Amino acid sequence: MLISSKRTATHYLWGEGCDGWHLAASEKLSVIQECVPRGAAEVRHLHTKAEQFFYVLKGIATLEVAGVVHTLNANEGFHVLAGVPHTLSNQHEQELEFLVISTPPSHGDRKTV
């Protein structure tokens, strides 16, 4: 077991100028820290097997889940069940930084809707 941070984690780019860091990855769990610049969003999608918990560290997230829009501030989170369409965006001035925890890991389990 090792201490994990953005400095030591595997980095990847996604979407339009968004960053991600794999803080923990196993067969049953994924913990990713992501940064989303102002105006950026992910494509609306669902996961057939993975459920996810989004937890805002900094900024304000706009999370649309099954047609209902939720605003998450720092230190707030939201649980998205498997099979539920959702999308996350940053519609505010400040950069958005959050954790997304998935079980099982969501990579390879994504369907655009």
PDB file of N, CA and C in Angstrom:
ATOM      1  N   MET A   1       0.842  -1.182   0.000  1.00  0.00           N
ATOM      2  CA  MET A   1       0.000   0.000   0.000  1.00  0.00           C
ATOM      3  C   MET A   1       0.886   1.243   0.000  1.00  0.00           C
ATOM      4  N   LEU A   2       0.508   2.211  -0.811  1.00  0.00           N
ATOM      5  CA  LEU A   2       1.280   3.432  -0.931  1.00  0.00           C
ATOM      6  C   LEU A   2       0.385   4.645  -0.744  1.00  0.00           C
ATOM      7  N   ILE A   3       0.993   5.744  -0.319  1.00  0.00           N
ATOM      8  CA  ILE A   3       0.269   7.012  -0.277  1.00  0.00           C
ATOM      9  C   ILE A   3       0.081   7.471  -1.721  1.00  0.00           C
ATOM     10  N   SER A   4      -1.128   7.928  -2.030  1.00  0.00           N
ATOM     11  CA  SER A   4      -1.444   8.348  -3.393  1.00  0.00           C
ATOM     12  C   SER A   4      -1.796   9.829  -3.409  1.00  0.00           C
ATOM     13  N   SER A   5      -1.356  10.516  -4.464  1.00  0.00           N
ATOM     14  CA  SER A   5      -1.660  11.937  -4.646  1.00  0.00           C
ATOM     15  C   SER A   5      -1.606  12.259  -6.131  1.00  0.00           C
ATOM     16  N   LYS A   6      -2.043  13.469  -6.494  1.00  0.00           N
ATOM     17  CA  LYS A   6      -1.936  13.886  -7.888  1.00  0.00           C
ATOM     18  C   LYS A   6      -0.486  13.841  -8.356  1.00  0.00           C
ATOM     19  N   ARG A   7       0.421  14.109  -7.464  1.00  0.00           N
ATOM     20  CA  ARG A   7       1.842  14.140  -7.809  1.00  0.00           C
ATOM     21  C   ARG A   7       2.368  12.758  -8.181  1.00  0.00           C
ATOM     22  N   THR A   8       1.816  11.699  -7.558  1.00  0.00           N
ATOM     23  CA  THR A   8       2.328  10.344  -7.788  1.00  0.00           C
ATOM     24  C   THR A   8       1.434   9.484  -8.677  1.00  0.00           C
ATOM     25  N   ALA A   9       0.194   9.935  -8.922  1.00  0.00           N
ATOM     26  CA  ALA A   9      -0.782   9.121  -9.656  1.00  0.00           C
ATOM     27  C   ALA A   9      -0.582   9.227 -11.169  1.00  0.00           C
ATOM     28  N   THR A  10      -1.087   8.234 -11.872  1.00  0.00           N
ATOM     29  CA  THR A  10      -1.079   8.248 -13.336  1.00  0.00           C
ATOM     30  C   THR A  10      -2.048   9.319 -13.836  1.00  0.00           C
ATOM     31  N   HIS A  11      -1.549  10.201 -14.697  1.00  0.00           N
ATOM     32  CA  HIS A  11      -2.337  11.319 -15.229  1.00  0.00           C
ATOM     33  C   HIS A  11      -2.869  10.980 -16.611  1.00  0.00           C
ATOM     34  N   TYR A  12      -4.067  11.498 -16.925  1.00  0.00           N
ATOM     35  CA  TYR A  12      -4.598  11.371 -18.279  1.00  0.00           C
ATOM     36  C   TYR A  12      -5.434  12.606 -18.606  1.00  0.00           C
ATOM     37  N   LEU A  13      -5.626  12.860 -19.886  1.00  0.00           N
ATOM     38  CA  LEU A  13      -6.450  13.974 -20.370  1.00  0.00           C
ATOM     39  C   LEU A  13      -7.762  13.412 -20.888  1.00  0.00           C
ATOM     40  N   TRP A  14      -8.833  14.170 -20.724  1.00  0.00           N
ATOM     41  CA  TRP A  14     -10.126  13.763 -21.264  1.00  0.00           C
ATOM     42  C   TRP A  14     -10.927  15.005 -21.630  1.00  0.00           C
ATOM     43  N   GLY A  15     -11.923  14.831 -22.492  1.00  0.00           N
ATOM     44  CA  GLY A  15     -12.793  15.932 -22.875  1.00  0.00           C
ATOM     45  C   GLY A  15     -12.022  17.108 -23.442  1.00  0.00           C
ATOM     46  N   GLU A  16     -12.504  18.311 -23.144  1.00  0.00           N
ATOM     47  CA  GLU A  16     -11.894  19.542 -23.647  1.00  0.00           C
ATOM     48  C   GLU A  16     -11.091  20.216 -22.547  1.00  0.00           C
ATOM     49  N   GLY A  17      -9.838  19.828 -22.408  1.00  0.00           N
ATOM     50  CA  GLY A  17      -8.958  20.447 -21.424  1.00  0.00           C
ATOM     51  C   GLY A  17      -9.123  19.953 -20.014  1.00  0.00           C
ATOM     52  N   CYS A  18      -9.709  18.772 -19.836  1.00  0.00           N
ATOM     53  CA  CYS A  18      -9.922  18.207 -18.505  1.00  0.00           C
ATOM     54  C   CYS A  18      -8.787  17.244 -18.158  1.00  0.00           C
ATOM     55  N   ASP A  19      -8.492  17.167 -16.865  1.00  0.00           N
ATOM     56  CA  ASP A  19      -7.421  16.308 -16.368  1.00  0.00           C
ATOM     57  C   ASP A  19      -7.974  15.288 -15.390  1.00  0.00           C
ATOM     58  N   GLY A  20      -7.319  14.123 -15.340  1.00  0.00           N
ATOM     59  CA  GLY A  20      -7.669  13.103 -14.372  1.00  0.00           C
ATOM     60  C   GLY A  20      -6.433  12.424 -13.840  1.00  0.00           C
ATOM     61  N   TRP A  21      -6.512  11.963 -12.599  1.00  0.00           N
ATOM     62  CA  TRP A  21      -5.426  11.233 -11.950  1.00  0.00           C
ATOM     63  C   TRP A  21      -6.004   9.996 -11.283  1.00  0.00           C
ATOM     64  N   HIS A  22      -5.498   8.825 -11.634  1.00  0.00           N
ATOM     65  CA  HIS A  22      -5.941   7.568 -11.022  1.00  0.00           C
ATOM     66  C   HIS A  22      -5.269   7.432  -9.650  1.00  0.00           C
ATOM     67  N   LEU A  23      -6.002   7.769  -8.604  1.00  0.00           N
ATOM     68  CA  LEU A  23      -5.448   7.690  -7.246  1.00  0.00           C
ATOM     69  C   LEU A  23      -5.428   6.260  -6.723  1.00  0.00           C
ATOM     70  N   ALA A  24      -6.426   5.478  -7.114  1.00  0.00           N
ATOM     71  CA  ALA A  24      -6.489   4.069  -6.718  1.00  0.00           C
ATOM     72  C   ALA A  24      -7.209   3.306  -7.813  1.00  0.00           C
ATOM     73  N   ALA A  25      -6.679   2.157  -8.171  1.00  0.00           N
ATOM     74  CA  ALA A  25      -7.289   1.343  -9.213  1.00  0.00           C
ATOM     75  C   ALA A  25      -7.092  -0.125  -8.883  1.00  0.00           C
ATOM     76  N   SER A  26      -8.194  -0.843  -8.819  1.00  0.00           N
ATOM     77  CA  SER A  26      -8.142  -2.282  -8.617  1.00  0.00           C
ATOM     78  C   SER A  26      -9.277  -2.908  -9.415  1.00  0.00           C
ATOM     79  N   GLU A  27      -9.410  -4.194  -9.316  1.00  0.00           N
ATOM     80  CA  GLU A  27     -10.462  -4.908 -10.021  1.00  0.00           C
ATOM     81  C   GLU A  27     -11.857  -4.482  -9.558  1.00  0.00           C
ATOM     82  N   LYS A  28     -11.960  -4.021  -8.296  1.00  0.00           N
ATOM     83  CA  LYS A  28     -13.267  -3.707  -7.720  1.00  0.00           C
ATOM     84  C   LYS A  28     -13.491  -2.230  -7.427  1.00  0.00           C
ATOM     85  N   LEU A  29     -12.446  -1.407  -7.516  1.00  0.00           N
ATOM     86  CA  LEU A  29     -12.574  -0.012  -7.090  1.00  0.00           C
ATOM     87  C   LEU A  29     -11.721   0.905  -7.954  1.00  0.00           C
ATOM     88  N   SER A  30     -12.273   2.095  -8.230  1.00  0.00           N
ATOM     89  CA  SER A  30     -11.526   3.143  -8.925  1.00  0.00           C
ATOM     90  C   SER A  30     -11.758   4.453  -8.189  1.00  0.00           C
ATOM     91  N   VAL A  31     -10.674   5.159  -7.876  1.00  0.00           N
ATOM     92  CA  VAL A  31     -10.765   6.494  -7.280  1.00  0.00           C
ATOM     93  C   VAL A  31      -9.955   7.423  -8.177  1.00  0.00           C
ATOM     94  N   ILE A  32     -10.652   8.423  -8.735  1.00  0.00           N
ATOM     95  CA  ILE A  32     -10.026   9.345  -9.674  1.00  0.00           C
ATOM     96  C   ILE A  32     -10.262  10.768  -9.197  1.00  0.00           C
ATOM     97  N   GLN A  33      -9.225  11.584  -9.248  1.00  0.00           N
ATOM     98  CA  GLN A  33      -9.369  13.020  -9.007  1.00  0.00           C
ATOM     99  C   GLN A  33      -9.357  13.687 -10.363  1.00  0.00           C
ATOM    100  N   GLU A  34     -10.347  14.568 -10.597  1.00  0.00           N
ATOM    101  CA  GLU A  34     -10.447  15.218 -11.898  1.00  0.00           C
ATOM    102  C   GLU A  34     -10.553  16.721 -11.744  1.00  0.00           C
ATOM    103  N   CYS A  35     -10.051  17.438 -12.751  1.00  0.00           N
ATOM    104  CA  CYS A  35     -10.160  18.903 -12.833  1.00  0.00           C
ATOM    105  C   CYS A  35     -10.874  19.241 -14.133  1.00  0.00           C
ATOM    106  N   VAL A  36     -11.869  20.129 -14.024  1.00  0.00           N
ATOM    107  CA  VAL A  36     -12.662  20.542 -15.178  1.00  0.00           C
ATOM    108  C   VAL A  36     -12.618  22.065 -15.256  1.00  0.00           C
ATOM    109  N   PRO A  37     -12.094  22.626 -16.345  1.00  0.00           N
ATOM    110  CA  PRO A  37     -12.049  24.083 -16.473  1.00  0.00           C
ATOM    111  C   PRO A  37     -13.445  24.671 -16.715  1.00  0.00           C
ATOM    112  N   ARG A  38     -13.546  25.953 -16.530  1.00  0.00           N
ATOM    113  CA  ARG A  38     -14.799  26.674 -16.755  1.00  0.00           C
ATOM    114  C   ARG A  38     -15.348  26.368 -18.153  1.00  0.00           C
ATOM    115  N   GLY A  39     -16.633  26.035 -18.224  1.00  0.00           N
ATOM    116  CA  GLY A  39     -17.300  25.804 -19.494  1.00  0.00           C
ATOM    117  C   GLY A  39     -17.179  24.398 -20.050  1.00  0.00           C
ATOM    118  N   ALA A  40     -16.389  23.541 -19.430  1.00  0.00           N
ATOM    119  CA  ALA A  40     -16.199  22.181 -19.940  1.00  0.00           C
ATOM    120  C   ALA A  40     -17.241  21.228 -19.337  1.00  0.00           C
ATOM    121  N   ALA A  41     -17.498  20.145 -20.066  1.00  0.00           N
ATOM    122  CA  ALA A  41     -18.476  19.148 -19.620  1.00  0.00           C
ATOM    123  C   ALA A  41     -18.123  17.793 -20.205  1.00  0.00           C
ATOM    124  N   GLU A  42     -18.646  16.759 -19.572  1.00  0.00           N
ATOM    125  CA  GLU A  42     -18.510  15.434 -20.155  1.00  0.00           C
ATOM    126  C   GLU A  42     -19.767  15.108 -20.936  1.00  0.00           C
ATOM    127  N   VAL A  43     -19.684  14.125 -21.805  1.00  0.00           N
ATOM    128  CA  VAL A  43     -20.811  13.687 -22.618  1.00  0.00           C
ATOM    129  C   VAL A  43     -21.789  12.922 -21.719  1.00  0.00           C
ATOM    130  N   ARG A  44     -23.089  13.117 -21.948  1.00  0.00           N
ATOM    131  CA  ARG A  44     -24.100  12.393 -21.165  1.00  0.00           C
ATOM    132  C   ARG A  44     -23.953  10.900 -21.447  1.00  0.00           C
ATOM    133  N   HIS A  45     -23.930  10.108 -20.377  1.00  0.00           N
ATOM    134  CA  HIS A  45     -23.676   8.683 -20.520  1.00  0.00           C
ATOM    135  C   HIS A  45     -24.247   7.922 -19.326  1.00  0.00           C
ATOM    136  N   LEU A  46     -24.100   6.614 -19.369  1.00  0.00           N
ATOM    137  CA  LEU A  46     -24.428   5.771 -18.216  1.00  0.00           C
ATOM    138  C   LEU A  46     -23.422   4.638 -18.153  1.00  0.00           C
ATOM    139  N   HIS A  47     -23.397   4.006 -17.016  1.00  0.00           N
ATOM    140  CA  HIS A  47     -22.557   2.823 -16.810  1.00  0.00           C
ATOM    141  C   HIS A  47     -23.490   1.661 -16.495  1.00  0.00           C
ATOM    142  N   THR A  48     -23.322   0.549 -17.187  1.00  0.00           N
ATOM    143  CA  THR A  48     -24.233  -0.576 -16.986  1.00  0.00           C
ATOM    144  C   THR A  48     -23.953  -1.339 -15.694  1.00  0.00           C
ATOM    145  N   LYS A  49     -22.702  -1.332 -15.240  1.00  0.00           N
ATOM    146  CA  LYS A  49     -22.338  -2.086 -14.031  1.00  0.00           C
ATOM    147  C   LYS A  49     -21.857  -1.194 -12.891  1.00  0.00           C
ATOM    148  N   ALA A  50     -21.158  -0.128 -13.216  1.00  0.00           N
ATOM    149  CA  ALA A  50     -20.521   0.689 -12.180  1.00  0.00           C
ATOM    150  C   ALA A  50     -21.494   1.692 -11.565  1.00  0.00           C
ATOM    151  N   GLU A  51     -21.445   1.809 -10.243  1.00  0.00           N
ATOM    152  CA  GLU A  51     -22.083   2.919  -9.567  1.00  0.00           C
ATOM    153  C   GLU A  51     -20.977   3.882  -9.175  1.00  0.00           C
ATOM    154  N   GLN A  52     -21.321   5.163  -9.087  1.00  0.00           N
ATOM    155  CA  GLN A  52     -20.295   6.178  -8.861  1.00  0.00           C
ATOM    156  C   GLN A  52     -20.720   7.156  -7.770  1.00  0.00           C
ATOM    157  N   PHE A  53     -19.719   7.674  -7.074  1.00  0.00           N
ATOM    158  CA  PHE A  53     -19.941   8.742  -6.107  1.00  0.00           C
ATOM    159  C   PHE A  53     -19.039   9.904  -6.496  1.00  0.00           C
ATOM    160  N   PHE A  54     -19.654  11.052  -6.762  1.00  0.00           N
ATOM    161  CA  PHE A  54     -18.939  12.278  -7.122  1.00  0.00           C
ATOM    162  C   PHE A  54     -18.839  13.140  -5.873  1.00  0.00           C
ATOM    163  N   TYR A  55     -17.629  13.606  -5.543  1.00  0.00           N
ATOM    164  CA  TYR A  55     -17.416  14.423  -4.342  1.00  0.00           C
ATOM    165  C   TYR A  55     -16.591  15.651  -4.720  1.00  0.00           C
ATOM    166  N   VAL A  56     -17.172  16.841  -4.550  1.00  0.00           N
ATOM    167  CA  VAL A  56     -16.522  18.086  -4.965  1.00  0.00           C
ATOM    168  C   VAL A  56     -15.499  18.532  -3.925  1.00  0.00           C
ATOM    169  N   LEU A  57     -14.273  18.773  -4.391  1.00  0.00           N
ATOM    170  CA  LEU A  57     -13.191  19.283  -3.538  1.00  0.00           C
ATOM    171  C   LEU A  57     -13.103  20.804  -3.611  1.00  0.00           C
ATOM    172  N   LYS A  58     -13.272  21.339  -4.837  1.00  0.00           N
ATOM    173  CA  LYS A  58     -13.126  22.774  -5.072  1.00  0.00           C
ATOM    174  C   LYS A  58     -14.019  23.170  -6.237  1.00  0.00           C
ATOM    175  N   GLY A  59     -14.665  24.329  -6.122  1.00  0.00           N
ATOM    176  CA  GLY A  59     -15.525  24.813  -7.194  1.00  0.00           C
ATOM    177  C   GLY A  59     -16.960  24.347  -7.018  1.00  0.00           C
ATOM    178  N   ILE A  60     -17.712  24.422  -8.104  1.00  0.00           N
ATOM    179  CA  ILE A  60     -19.129  24.054  -8.112  1.00  0.00           C
ATOM    180  C   ILE A  60     -19.386  23.154  -9.316  1.00  0.00           C
ATOM    181  N   ALA A  61     -19.961  21.996  -9.065  1.00  0.00           N
ATOM    182  CA  ALA A  61     -20.290  21.055 -10.139  1.00  0.00           C
ATOM    183  C   ALA A  61     -21.769  21.133 -10.457  1.00  0.00           C
ATOM    184  N   THR A  62     -22.085  21.055 -11.737  1.00  0.00           N
ATOM    185  CA  THR A  62     -23.458  20.880 -12.175  1.00  0.00           C
ATOM    186  C   THR A  62     -23.564  19.435 -12.644  1.00  0.00           C
ATOM    187  N   LEU A  63     -24.374  18.666 -11.947  1.00  0.00           N
ATOM    188  CA  LEU A  63     -24.509  17.238 -12.228  1.00  0.00           C
ATOM    189  C   LEU A  63     -25.957  16.960 -12.611  1.00  0.00           C
ATOM    190  N   GLU A  64     -26.151  16.568 -13.865  1.00  0.00           N
ATOM    191  CA  GLU A  64     -27.493  16.192 -14.318  1.00  0.00           C
ATOM    192  C   GLU A  64     -27.602  14.680 -14.217  1.00  0.00           C
ATOM    193  N   VAL A  65     -28.601  14.222 -13.473  1.00  0.00           N
ATOM    194  CA  VAL A  65     -28.804  12.792 -13.254  1.00  0.00           C
ATOM    195  C   VAL A  65     -30.253  12.461 -13.589  1.00  0.00           C
ATOM    196  N   ALA A  66     -30.451  11.652 -14.608  1.00  0.00           N
ATOM    197  CA  ALA A  66     -31.789  11.219 -15.024  1.00  0.00           C
ATOM    198  C   ALA A  66     -32.732  12.400 -15.240  1.00  0.00           C
ATOM    199  N   GLY A  67     -32.202  13.478 -15.836  1.00  0.00           N
ATOM    200  CA  GLY A  67     -33.019  14.632 -16.165  1.00  0.00           C
ATOM    201  C   GLY A  67     -33.172  15.666 -15.065  1.00  0.00           C
ATOM    202  N   VAL A  68     -32.635  15.402 -13.885  1.00  0.00           N
ATOM    203  CA  VAL A  68     -32.716  16.341 -12.767  1.00  0.00           C
ATOM    204  C   VAL A  68     -31.337  16.968 -12.555  1.00  0.00           C
ATOM    205  N   VAL A  69     -31.277  18.305 -12.504  1.00  0.00           N
ATOM    206  CA  VAL A  69     -30.011  19.017 -12.355  1.00  0.00           C
ATOM    207  C   VAL A  69     -29.748  19.284 -10.875  1.00  0.00           C
ATOM    208  N   HIS A  70     -28.536  18.927 -10.440  1.00  0.00           N
ATOM    209  CA  HIS A  70     -28.101  19.130  -9.065  1.00  0.00           C
ATOM    210  C   HIS A  70     -26.873  20.032  -9.076  1.00  0.00           C
ATOM    211  N   THR A  71     -26.800  20.951  -8.136  1.00  0.00           N
ATOM    212  CA  THR A  71     -25.624  21.801  -7.967  1.00  0.00           C
ATOM    213  C   THR A  71     -24.892  21.329  -6.726  1.00  0.00           C
ATOM    214  N   LEU A  72     -23.623  20.945  -6.912  1.00  0.00           N
ATOM    215  CA  LEU A  72     -22.804  20.456  -5.804  1.00  0.00           C
ATOM    216  C   LEU A  72     -21.701  21.455  -5.511  1.00  0.00           C
ATOM    217  N   ASN A  73     -21.637  21.898  -4.276  1.00  0.00           N
ATOM    218  CA  ASN A  73     -20.577  22.793  -3.816  1.00  0.00           C
ATOM    219  C   ASN A  73     -19.456  21.975  -3.202  1.00  0.00           C
ATOM    220  N   ALA A  74     -18.360  22.631  -2.855  1.00  0.00           N
ATOM    221  CA  ALA A  74     -17.246  21.952  -2.195  1.00  0.00           C
ATOM    222  C   ALA A  74     -17.752  21.237  -0.945  1.00  0.00           C
ATOM    223  N   ASN A  75     -17.237  20.042  -0.722  1.00  0.00           N
ATOM    224  CA  ASN A  75     -17.589  19.195   0.417  1.00  0.00           C
ATOM    225  C   ASN A  75     -18.994  18.616   0.325  1.00  0.00           C
ATOM    226  N   GLU A  76     -19.520  18.514  -0.908  1.00  0.00           N
ATOM    227  CA  GLU A  76     -20.796  17.844  -1.147  1.00  0.00           C
ATOM    228  C   GLU A  76     -20.598  16.766  -2.199  1.00  0.00           C
ATOM    229  N   GLY A  77     -21.412  15.708  -2.111  1.00  0.00           N
ATOM    230  CA  GLY A  77     -21.295  14.608  -3.045  1.00  0.00           C
ATOM    231  C   GLY A  77     -22.637  14.078  -3.488  1.00  0.00           C
ATOM    232  N   PHE A  78     -22.608  13.203  -4.492  1.00  0.00           N
ATOM    233  CA  PHE A  78     -23.833  12.633  -5.050  1.00  0.00           C
ATOM    234  C   PHE A  78     -23.534  11.218  -5.530  1.00  0.00           C
ATOM    235  N   HIS A  79     -24.426  10.278  -5.201  1.00  0.00           N
ATOM    236  CA  HIS A  79     -24.289   8.876  -5.575  1.00  0.00           C
ATOM    237  C   HIS A  79     -25.132   8.612  -6.829  1.00  0.00           C
ATOM    238  N   VAL A  80     -24.510   8.125  -7.888  1.00  0.00           N
ATOM    239  CA  VAL A  80     -25.203   7.787  -9.131  1.00  0.00           C
ATOM    240  C   VAL A  80     -25.188   6.272  -9.275  1.00  0.00           C
ATOM    241  N   LEU A  81     -26.370   5.685  -9.338  1.00  0.00           N
ATOM    242  CA  LEU A  81     -26.482   4.237  -9.456  1.00  0.00           C
ATOM    243  C   LEU A  81     -26.186   3.775 -10.879  1.00  0.00           C
ATOM    244  N   ALA A  82     -25.812   2.522 -11.029  1.00  0.00           N
ATOM    245  CA  ALA A  82     -25.570   1.927 -12.342  1.00  0.00           C
ATOM    246  C   ALA A  82     -26.840   2.018 -13.183  1.00  0.00           C
ATOM    247  N   GLY A  83     -26.673   2.279 -14.485  1.00  0.00           N
ATOM    248  CA  GLY A  83     -27.794   2.330 -15.405  1.00  0.00           C
ATOM    249  C   GLY A  83     -28.500   3.669 -15.475  1.00  0.00           C
ATOM    250  N   VAL A  84     -28.054   4.655 -14.680  1.00  0.00           N
ATOM    251  CA  VAL A  84     -28.717   5.962 -14.648  1.00  0.00           C
ATOM    252  C   VAL A  84     -27.922   6.960 -15.502  1.00  0.00           C
ATOM    253  N   PRO A  85     -28.560   7.560 -16.516  1.00  0.00           N
ATOM    254  CA  PRO A  85     -27.865   8.544 -17.358  1.00  0.00           C
ATOM    255  C   PRO A  85     -27.459   9.772 -16.543  1.00  0.00           C
ATOM    256  N   HIS A  86     -26.249  10.296 -16.829  1.00  0.00           N
ATOM    257  CA  HIS A  86     -25.768  11.471 -16.096  1.00  0.00           C
ATOM    258  C   HIS A  86     -24.696  12.204 -16.902  1.00  0.00           C
ATOM    259  N   THR A  87     -24.477  13.449 -16.523  1.00  0.00           N
ATOM    260  CA  THR A  87     -23.383  14.243 -17.078  1.00  0.00           C
ATOM    261  C   THR A  87     -22.968  15.276 -16.051  1.00  0.00           C
ATOM    262  N   LEU A  88     -21.690  15.608 -16.045  1.00  0.00           N
ATOM    263  CA  LEU A  88     -21.141  16.596 -15.122  1.00  0.00           C
ATOM    264  C   LEU A  88     -20.543  17.738 -15.929  1.00  0.00           C
ATOM    265  N   SER A  89     -20.756  18.970 -15.451  1.00  0.00           N
ATOM    266  CA  SER A  89     -20.184  20.124 -16.139  1.00  0.00           C
ATOM    267  C   SER A  89     -19.752  21.177 -15.127  1.00  0.00           C
ATOM    268  N   ASN A  90     -18.916  22.091 -15.616  1.00  0.00           N
ATOM    269  CA  ASN A  90     -18.492  23.238 -14.818  1.00  0.00           C
ATOM    270  C   ASN A  90     -19.033  24.488 -15.508  1.00  0.00           C
ATOM    271  N   GLN A  91     -20.093  25.032 -14.961  1.00  0.00           N
ATOM    272  CA  GLN A  91     -20.738  26.208 -15.533  1.00  0.00           C
ATOM    273  C   GLN A  91     -20.393  27.470 -14.742  1.00  0.00           C
ATOM    274  N   HIS A  92     -19.318  27.417 -13.977  1.00  0.00           N
ATOM    275  CA  HIS A  92     -18.947  28.520 -13.089  1.00  0.00           C
ATOM    276  C   HIS A  92     -17.534  29.008 -13.400  1.00  0.00           C
ATOM    277  N   GLU A  93     -17.158  30.131 -12.830  1.00  0.00           N
ATOM    278  CA  GLU A  93     -15.866  30.768 -13.114  1.00  0.00           C
ATOM    279  C   GLU A  93     -14.675  29.964 -12.598  1.00  0.00           C
ATOM    280  N   GLN A  94     -14.803  29.401 -11.403  1.00  0.00           N
ATOM    281  CA  GLN A  94     -13.680  28.707 -10.768  1.00  0.00           C
ATOM    282  C   GLN A  94     -13.499  27.305 -11.351  1.00  0.00           C
ATOM    283  N   GLU A  95     -12.261  26.869 -11.454  1.00  0.00           N
ATOM    284  CA  GLU A  95     -11.980  25.494 -11.866  1.00  0.00           C
ATOM    285  C   GLU A  95     -12.666  24.529 -10.909  1.00  0.00           C
ATOM    286  N   LEU A  96     -13.181  23.442 -11.445  1.00  0.00           N
ATOM    287  CA  LEU A  96     -13.848  22.408 -10.663  1.00  0.00           C
ATOM    288  C   LEU A  96     -12.883  21.263 -10.412  1.00  0.00           C
ATOM    289  N   GLU A  97     -12.777  20.849  -9.164  1.00  0.00           N
ATOM    290  CA  GLU A  97     -11.933  19.713  -8.806  1.00  0.00           C
ATOM    291  C   GLU A  97     -12.780  18.770  -7.958  1.00  0.00           C
ATOM    292  N   PHE A  98     -12.794  17.494  -8.318  1.00  0.00           N
ATOM    293  CA  PHE A  98     -13.647  16.544  -7.609  1.00  0.00           C
ATOM    294  C   PHE A  98     -13.048  15.138  -7.646  1.00  0.00           C
ATOM    295  N   LEU A  99     -13.588  14.275  -6.803  1.00  0.00           N
ATOM    296  CA  LEU A  99     -13.261  12.861  -6.815  1.00  0.00           C
ATOM    297  C   LEU A  99     -14.440  12.115  -7.425  1.00  0.00           C
ATOM    298  N   VAL A 100     -14.141  11.096  -8.212  1.00  0.00           N
ATOM    299  CA  VAL A 100     -15.182  10.172  -8.663  1.00  0.00           C
ATOM    300  C   VAL A 100     -14.727   8.775  -8.262  1.00  0.00           C
ATOM    301  N   ILE A 101     -15.552   8.159  -7.413  1.00  0.00           N
ATOM    302  CA  ILE A 101     -15.256   6.832  -6.890  1.00  0.00           C
ATOM    303  C   ILE A 101     -16.225   5.862  -7.559  1.00  0.00           C
ATOM    304  N   SER A 102     -15.704   4.815  -8.180  1.00  0.00           N
ATOM    305  CA  SER A 102     -16.540   3.875  -8.934  1.00  0.00           C
ATOM    306  C   SER A 102     -16.294   2.456  -8.463  1.00  0.00           C
ATOM    307  N   THR A 103     -17.392   1.696  -8.378  1.00  0.00           N
ATOM    308  CA  THR A 103     -17.286   0.280  -8.082  1.00  0.00           C
ATOM    309  C   THR A 103     -18.341  -0.481  -8.866  1.00  0.00           C
ATOM    310  N   PRO A 104     -17.953  -1.470  -9.656  1.00  0.00           N
ATOM    311  CA  PRO A 104     -16.575  -1.713 -10.071  1.00  0.00           C
ATOM    312  C   PRO A 104     -16.081  -0.537 -10.923  1.00  0.00           C
ATOM    313  N   PRO A 105     -14.808  -0.525 -11.287  1.00  0.00           N
ATOM    314  CA  PRO A 105     -14.290   0.577 -12.101  1.00  0.00           C
ATOM    315  C   PRO A 105     -15.145   0.807 -13.351  1.00  0.00           C
ATOM    316  N   SER A 106     -15.314   2.077 -13.713  1.00  0.00           N
ATOM    317  CA  SER A 106     -16.221   2.440 -14.809  1.00  0.00           C
ATOM    318  C   SER A 106     -15.579   2.410 -16.191  1.00  0.00           C
ATOM    319  N   HIS A 107     -14.257   2.356 -16.272  1.00  0.00           N
ATOM    320  CA  HIS A 107     -13.605   2.352 -17.586  1.00  0.00           C
ATOM    321  C   HIS A 107     -13.981   1.082 -18.349  1.00  0.00           C
ATOM    322  N   GLY A 108     -14.429   1.262 -19.587  1.00  0.00           N
ATOM    323  CA  GLY A 108     -14.890   0.141 -20.393  1.00  0.00           C
ATOM    324  C   GLY A 108     -16.353  -0.193 -20.151  1.00  0.00           C
ATOM    325  N   ASP A 109     -17.001   0.547 -19.266  1.00  0.00           N
ATOM    326  CA  ASP A 109     -18.408   0.311 -18.914  1.00  0.00           C
ATOM    327  C   ASP A 109     -19.193   1.610 -19.112  1.00  0.00           C
ATOM    328  N   ARG A 110     -19.048   2.204 -20.276  1.00  0.00           N
ATOM    329  CA  ARG A 110     -19.660   3.512 -20.536  1.00  0.00           C
ATOM    330  C   ARG A 110     -20.434   3.459 -21.847  1.00  0.00           C
ATOM    331  N   LYS A 111     -21.677   3.931 -21.783  1.00  0.00           N
ATOM    332  CA  LYS A 111     -22.531   3.966 -22.971  1.00  0.00           C
ATOM    333  C   LYS A 111     -23.056   5.395 -23.114  1.00  0.00           C
ATOM    334  N   THR A 112     -22.749   6.044 -24.233  1.00  0.00           N
ATOM    335  CA  THR A 112     -23.245   7.395 -24.496  1.00  0.00           C
ATOM    336  C   THR A 112     -24.744   7.336 -24.737  1.00  0.00           C
ATOM    337  N   VAL A 113     -25.473   8.271 -24.117  1.00  0.00           N
ATOM    338  CA  VAL A 113     -26.943   8.319 -24.284  1.00  0.00           C
ATOM    339  C   VAL A 113     -27.389   9.706 -24.706  1.00  0.00           C
TER     340      VAL A 113
END
